[in-house]
Amino acid sequence: MPSLPDIKGPDRNKPLCYDPQRDKFIYYDELIEGTEKIVPLETLTHEQRKKLAAERNRAGSDYTAQVLSGAAHTRDEVTEDILAETDFGKMHTEADLSYLSDLLKQIEEAL
């Protein structure tokens, strides 16, 4: 049986799922304790996935991000870019949701 991913520090404060029926973000500890279930990303609307990506970014540690040809973005600016769906925000959302999809598969296999 596969083992659970070891999520530590500020990453543990990031939601892993979003339940639109209850307007509730779901966290790692809730999944492993069995108090919440995984809500598949595929079942979420575009707006709900964007909301999840923005909240994950907002809840994470402070950082700056930069593409090769652009200015640096703070965590708050990246969150704004996600919500405004700028090219940079879309790229960040796509990357985070791809990572999250893989992470949720690992968790599901281990539970």
Protein backbone atom coordinates (compact mmCIF):
# COMPACT_ATOMS: atom_id res chain seq x y z
CA MET A 1 0.00 0.00 0.00
CA PRO A 2 1.43 3.43 -0.95
CA SER A 3 2.24 5.83 1.86
CA LEU A 4 0.67 9.23 2.36
CA PRO A 5 2.57 12.23 1.00
CA ASP A 6 4.48 14.04 3.76
CA ILE A 7 3.07 17.57 3.65
CA LYS A 8 4.72 19.92 6.14
CA GLY A 9 4.92 23.55 7.15
CA PRO A 10 2.91 26.21 5.33
CA ASP A 11 1.85 23.72 2.65
CA ARG A 12 -0.28 21.95 5.26
CA ASN A 13 -2.41 25.11 5.50
CA LYS A 14 -3.29 25.01 1.81
CA PRO A 15 -6.64 23.49 0.88
CA LEU A 16 -6.52 20.37 -1.27
CA CYS A 17 -10.18 20.28 -2.31
CA TYR A 18 -13.20 22.49 -2.51
CA ASP A 19 -16.75 21.36 -1.79
CA PRO A 20 -19.02 23.76 -3.70
CA GLN A 21 -22.20 22.46 -2.06
CA ARG A 22 -20.97 23.66 1.33
CA ASP A 23 -18.66 26.42 0.02
CA LYS A 24 -15.90 24.74 2.05
CA PHE A 25 -12.23 24.22 1.45
CA ILE A 26 -10.95 20.79 2.52
CA TYR A 27 -7.49 20.32 4.02
CA TYR A 28 -4.97 17.48 4.24
CA ASP A 29 -5.57 16.78 7.93
CA GLU A 30 -9.32 16.46 7.32
CA LEU A 31 -8.70 13.94 4.54
CA ILE A 32 -6.32 11.74 6.48
CA GLU A 33 -8.50 11.88 9.62
CA GLY A 34 -11.48 10.81 7.52
CA THR A 35 -13.65 13.79 8.49
CA GLU A 36 -13.79 14.92 4.83
CA LYS A 37 -13.67 13.20 1.46
CA ILE A 38 -11.79 14.14 -1.70
CA VAL A 39 -13.85 16.20 -4.12
CA PRO A 40 -12.41 15.44 -7.58
CA LEU A 41 -11.13 18.51 -9.40
CA GLU A 42 -12.91 17.34 -12.55
CA THR A 43 -16.28 17.89 -10.86
CA LEU A 44 -15.56 21.58 -10.20
CA THR A 45 -16.50 24.38 -12.56
CA HIS A 46 -13.89 26.68 -14.01
CA GLU A 47 -14.75 29.33 -11.41
CA GLN A 48 -14.54 26.82 -8.55
CA ARG A 49 -11.13 25.58 -9.70
CA LYS A 50 -9.97 29.20 -9.95
CA LYS A 51 -11.28 29.86 -6.42
CA LEU A 52 -9.37 26.82 -5.12
CA ALA A 53 -6.14 27.86 -6.86
CA ALA A 54 -6.44 31.41 -5.50
CA GLU A 55 -7.05 30.18 -1.95
CA ARG A 56 -4.15 27.72 -2.15
CA ASN A 57 -1.89 30.55 -3.26
CA ARG A 58 -3.16 32.95 -0.61
CA ALA A 59 -2.74 30.39 2.19
CA GLY A 60 0.83 29.50 1.24
CA SER A 61 4.04 31.05 2.44
CA ASP A 62 5.21 34.41 1.12
CA TYR A 63 7.20 34.29 -2.11
CA THR A 64 7.92 36.08 -5.35
CA ALA A 65 7.54 34.52 -8.79
CA GLN A 66 8.89 35.66 -12.12
CA VAL A 67 8.77 34.51 -15.69
CA LEU A 68 11.87 35.02 -17.80
CA SER A 69 10.56 38.03 -19.66
CA GLY A 70 8.50 39.68 -16.92
CA ALA A 71 8.52 41.45 -13.61
CA ALA A 72 8.53 39.69 -10.26
CA HIS A 73 5.14 39.03 -8.66
CA THR A 74 4.45 38.81 -4.93
CA ARG A 75 2.17 36.11 -3.55
CA ASP A 76 -0.69 38.64 -3.34
CA GLU A 77 -0.10 39.76 -6.93
CA VAL A 78 -0.14 36.15 -8.11
CA THR A 79 -3.47 35.66 -6.29
CA GLU A 80 -4.84 38.74 -8.09
CA ASP A 81 -3.52 37.39 -11.41
CA ILE A 82 -5.27 34.06 -10.77
CA LEU A 83 -8.58 35.77 -10.06
CA ALA A 84 -8.22 38.20 -12.99
CA GLU A 85 -7.21 35.31 -15.27
CA THR A 86 -4.19 37.07 -16.70
CA ASP A 87 -1.87 34.92 -18.82
CA PHE A 88 0.45 34.62 -15.83
CA GLY A 89 -2.48 33.75 -13.53
CA LYS A 90 -3.80 31.11 -15.93
CA MET A 91 -0.36 29.54 -16.18
CA HIS A 92 -0.01 29.46 -12.40
CA THR A 93 -3.51 28.00 -11.96
CA GLU A 94 -2.90 25.29 -14.54
CA ALA A 95 0.42 24.29 -12.93
CA ASP A 96 -1.00 24.24 -9.41
CA LEU A 97 -4.08 22.22 -10.37
CA SER A 98 -1.94 19.72 -12.26
CA TYR A 99 0.24 19.28 -9.16
CA LEU A 100 -2.86 19.07 -6.97
CA SER A 101 -4.44 16.41 -9.19
CA ASP A 102 -1.35 14.22 -8.83
CA LEU A 103 -1.22 14.84 -5.07
CA LEU A 104 -4.88 13.91 -4.60
CA LYS A 105 -4.31 10.66 -6.53
CA GLN A 106 -1.44 9.79 -4.18
CA ILE A 107 -3.57 10.52 -1.13
CA GLU A 108 -6.53 8.53 -2.48
CA GLU A 109 -4.30 5.52 -3.20
CA ALA A 110 -2.84 5.64 0.30
CA LEU A 111 -6.18 5.93 2.11
